[in-house]
Protein backbone atom coordinates (compact mmCIF):
# COMPACT_ATOMS: atom_id res chain seq x y z
CA MET A 1 0.00 0.00 0.00
CA PRO A 2 1.49 3.37 -0.95
CA VAL A 3 1.90 6.24 1.50
CA PRO A 4 -0.94 8.73 0.92
CA PRO A 5 0.33 11.80 -0.97
CA HIS A 6 -0.51 14.26 1.83
CA LEU A 7 1.66 12.24 4.26
CA LEU A 8 4.66 11.81 1.95
CA PRO A 9 6.56 14.83 3.36
CA PHE A 10 6.25 13.38 6.90
CA TRP A 11 7.23 9.90 5.67
CA ASN A 12 10.23 11.32 3.82
CA GLU A 13 11.32 13.23 6.98
CA PHE A 14 11.16 9.91 8.85
CA LEU A 15 13.24 8.15 6.18
CA LEU A 16 15.85 10.90 6.21
CA ALA A 17 16.00 11.21 10.01
CA THR A 18 16.32 7.47 10.60
CA GLY A 19 18.26 6.38 7.53
CA THR A 20 15.48 3.90 6.77
CA ALA A 21 15.23 2.91 3.14
CA ASP A 22 12.76 0.03 3.25
CA HIS A 23 9.58 1.50 1.76
CA GLY A 24 8.01 -1.96 1.76
CA ARG A 25 7.47 -1.86 5.51
CA TYR A 26 4.83 0.91 5.24
CA TYR A 27 1.52 -0.56 6.34
CA ASP A 28 -1.18 1.96 7.12
CA VAL A 29 -2.35 5.30 8.43
CA CYS A 30 -3.50 4.79 11.99
CA ILE A 31 -6.26 6.89 13.53
CA PHE A 32 -7.18 5.38 16.88
CA GLY A 33 -10.88 5.43 17.77
CA ASP A 34 -13.94 6.48 15.84
CA SER A 35 -14.45 10.08 16.91
CA GLU A 36 -12.33 13.22 17.03
CA GLU A 37 -12.23 13.35 20.83
CA LEU A 38 -11.29 9.67 21.20
CA ALA A 39 -8.78 9.69 18.33
CA ASP A 40 -6.92 12.70 19.68
CA GLU A 41 -7.00 11.38 23.27
CA LEU A 42 -5.59 7.99 22.19
CA ALA A 43 -2.95 9.58 19.95
CA ASP A 44 -1.81 11.63 22.94
CA LEU A 45 -1.47 8.41 24.98
CA VAL A 46 0.70 6.98 22.20
CA LEU A 47 2.91 10.08 22.12
CA ARG A 48 3.32 9.93 25.90
CA GLY A 49 4.34 6.24 25.75
CA ILE A 50 1.30 5.03 27.70
CA LYS A 51 -0.60 3.36 24.84
CA ARG A 52 1.59 0.67 23.27
CA ALA A 53 -1.06 -1.66 21.85
CA THR A 54 -4.31 -1.71 19.92
CA ALA A 55 -6.88 -4.25 18.80
CA GLY A 56 -8.90 -4.59 15.60
CA SER A 57 -11.43 -7.15 14.48
CA LEU A 58 -10.24 -9.54 11.79
CA TRP A 59 -13.42 -9.10 9.75
CA SER A 60 -12.85 -5.32 9.76
CA TYR A 61 -9.48 -5.85 8.07
CA GLU A 62 -11.15 -8.20 5.58
CA ASP A 63 -13.92 -5.67 4.88
CA GLN A 64 -11.30 -2.99 4.21
CA GLY A 65 -9.39 -5.33 1.91
CA ILE A 66 -6.20 -5.15 3.96
CA ARG A 67 -4.28 -7.80 5.82
CA PRO A 68 -3.93 -7.63 9.59
CA PRO A 69 -0.71 -6.04 10.85
CA ARG A 70 2.49 -8.10 11.14
CA PRO A 71 5.67 -7.59 13.15
CA GLY A 72 7.91 -5.07 11.40
CA ASP A 73 5.05 -3.11 9.81
CA LEU A 74 5.27 0.68 10.05
CA SER A 75 2.20 2.89 10.45
CA ILE A 76 1.80 6.66 10.53
CA VAL A 77 -0.28 7.74 13.53
CA THR A 78 -2.34 10.85 12.86
CA ALA A 79 -4.65 13.09 14.80
CA TRP A 80 -8.32 13.05 13.72
CA SER A 81 -7.52 16.11 11.58
CA GLY A 82 -5.02 14.05 9.57
CA GLN A 83 -1.95 15.74 11.06
CA PRO A 84 0.86 13.15 11.24
CA LEU A 85 2.19 12.70 14.76
CA CYS A 86 4.55 9.73 14.85
CA ILE A 87 5.44 6.41 13.27
CA ILE A 88 4.92 3.15 15.08
CA GLU A 89 6.41 -0.27 14.40
CA THR A 90 4.38 -3.40 15.03
CA GLN A 91 6.23 -5.61 17.52
CA ALA A 92 3.81 -8.55 17.90
CA VAL A 93 0.31 -9.58 16.87
CA ASP A 94 -1.76 -12.22 18.61
CA VAL A 95 -5.12 -13.27 17.20
CA VAL A 96 -7.51 -14.00 20.07
CA PRO A 97 -11.25 -13.92 20.67
CA TYR A 98 -12.55 -10.74 22.31
CA ASN A 99 -13.47 -12.71 25.45
CA GLU A 100 -9.90 -14.05 25.82
CA VAL A 101 -8.05 -10.71 25.79
CA THR A 102 -5.71 -10.71 28.79
CA ALA A 103 -5.25 -8.22 31.62
CA GLU A 104 -1.63 -7.82 30.47
CA PHE A 105 -2.77 -6.74 26.99
CA ALA A 106 -5.35 -4.33 28.44
CA ALA A 107 -2.63 -2.75 30.59
CA VAL A 108 -0.29 -2.31 27.60
CA GLU A 109 -3.12 -0.77 25.58
CA GLY A 110 -3.04 1.90 28.28
CA GLU A 111 -6.57 3.24 28.16
CA GLY A 112 -8.57 4.38 31.17
CA ASP A 113 -7.30 2.80 34.37
CA GLY A 114 -5.48 0.06 32.43
CA SER A 115 -7.66 -2.72 33.85
CA LEU A 116 -9.16 -5.60 31.92
CA ALA A 117 -12.64 -4.58 33.16
CA TYR A 118 -12.19 -1.08 31.69
CA TRP A 119 -10.85 -2.53 28.43
CA LEU A 120 -13.73 -4.99 28.08
CA GLU A 121 -16.38 -2.34 28.74
CA GLY A 122 -14.92 0.30 26.42
CA HIS A 123 -14.03 -2.09 23.63
CA ARG A 124 -17.37 -3.86 23.79
CA ARG A 125 -19.06 -0.50 23.08
CA TYR A 126 -16.56 0.23 20.29
CA PHE A 127 -16.95 -3.17 18.62
CA GLU A 128 -20.76 -3.13 19.01
CA GLN A 129 -20.84 0.21 17.18
CA GLU A 130 -18.38 -1.03 14.55
CA CYS A 131 -20.47 -4.15 14.01
CA ALA A 132 -23.70 -2.16 13.77
CA ARG A 133 -22.22 0.17 11.12
CA ALA A 134 -21.14 -2.87 9.08
CA GLY A 135 -24.46 -4.71 9.48
CA ARG A 136 -22.87 -7.34 11.71
CA GLN A 137 -23.66 -8.69 15.16
CA PHE A 138 -21.17 -8.33 18.00
CA ASP A 139 -20.01 -11.68 19.36
CA GLU A 140 -17.70 -12.16 22.35
CA ARG A 141 -15.90 -14.86 20.33
CA MET A 142 -15.09 -12.50 17.44
CA LEU A 143 -11.42 -12.67 16.56
CA LEU A 144 -9.22 -9.67 17.24
CA ALA A 145 -5.73 -8.85 16.04
CA CYS A 146 -4.13 -7.69 19.31
CA GLU A 147 -1.15 -5.63 18.18
CA LYS A 148 1.72 -4.40 20.34
CA PHE A 149 3.80 -1.57 18.91
CA LYS A 150 6.48 0.96 19.74
CA VAL A 151 6.98 4.54 18.59
CA ILE A 152 10.09 4.65 16.40
CA TYR A 153 9.80 8.22 15.10
CA GLN A 154 8.37 11.31 16.69
CA PRO A 155 9.64 14.63 15.34
CA GLN A 156 10.52 17.36 17.77
CA PRO A 157 7.91 20.13 17.89
CA ARG A 158 8.88 23.05 15.73
CA THR A 159 9.46 26.29 17.58
CA ALA A 160 8.58 29.67 16.13
């Protein structure tokens, strides 16, 4: 998948700053959440090093015509507005049913109080809404790609 044209300057800055030349590792543009408030809140958690994981339903990847993430993939994290913020590298991906997500994964995802109970409640709402928009039914056995990542590029804020 090619880097979207509006993000090419950011991608090229990353390549230059890191000496990376492997364009084939580009995977996706990552906007966490499904609303401006949530996306910007979660992106801030990523930038602060608190959020180091995410989960997506396998059928959602299929519906979008993309493969699930794999270790080594690089994604550009953006704010809801489309502003590029950082680049993450996928470290590991485990495919598990929603109802088998672990407390350790919930803690690494870093949302709310970091508990499994918080994760299950918030993600149930998210996946129920995602399913409803796609004409699907939420099922606690639905398979999720539970991805762990690390920030590998975050430009310094520009000063005036």
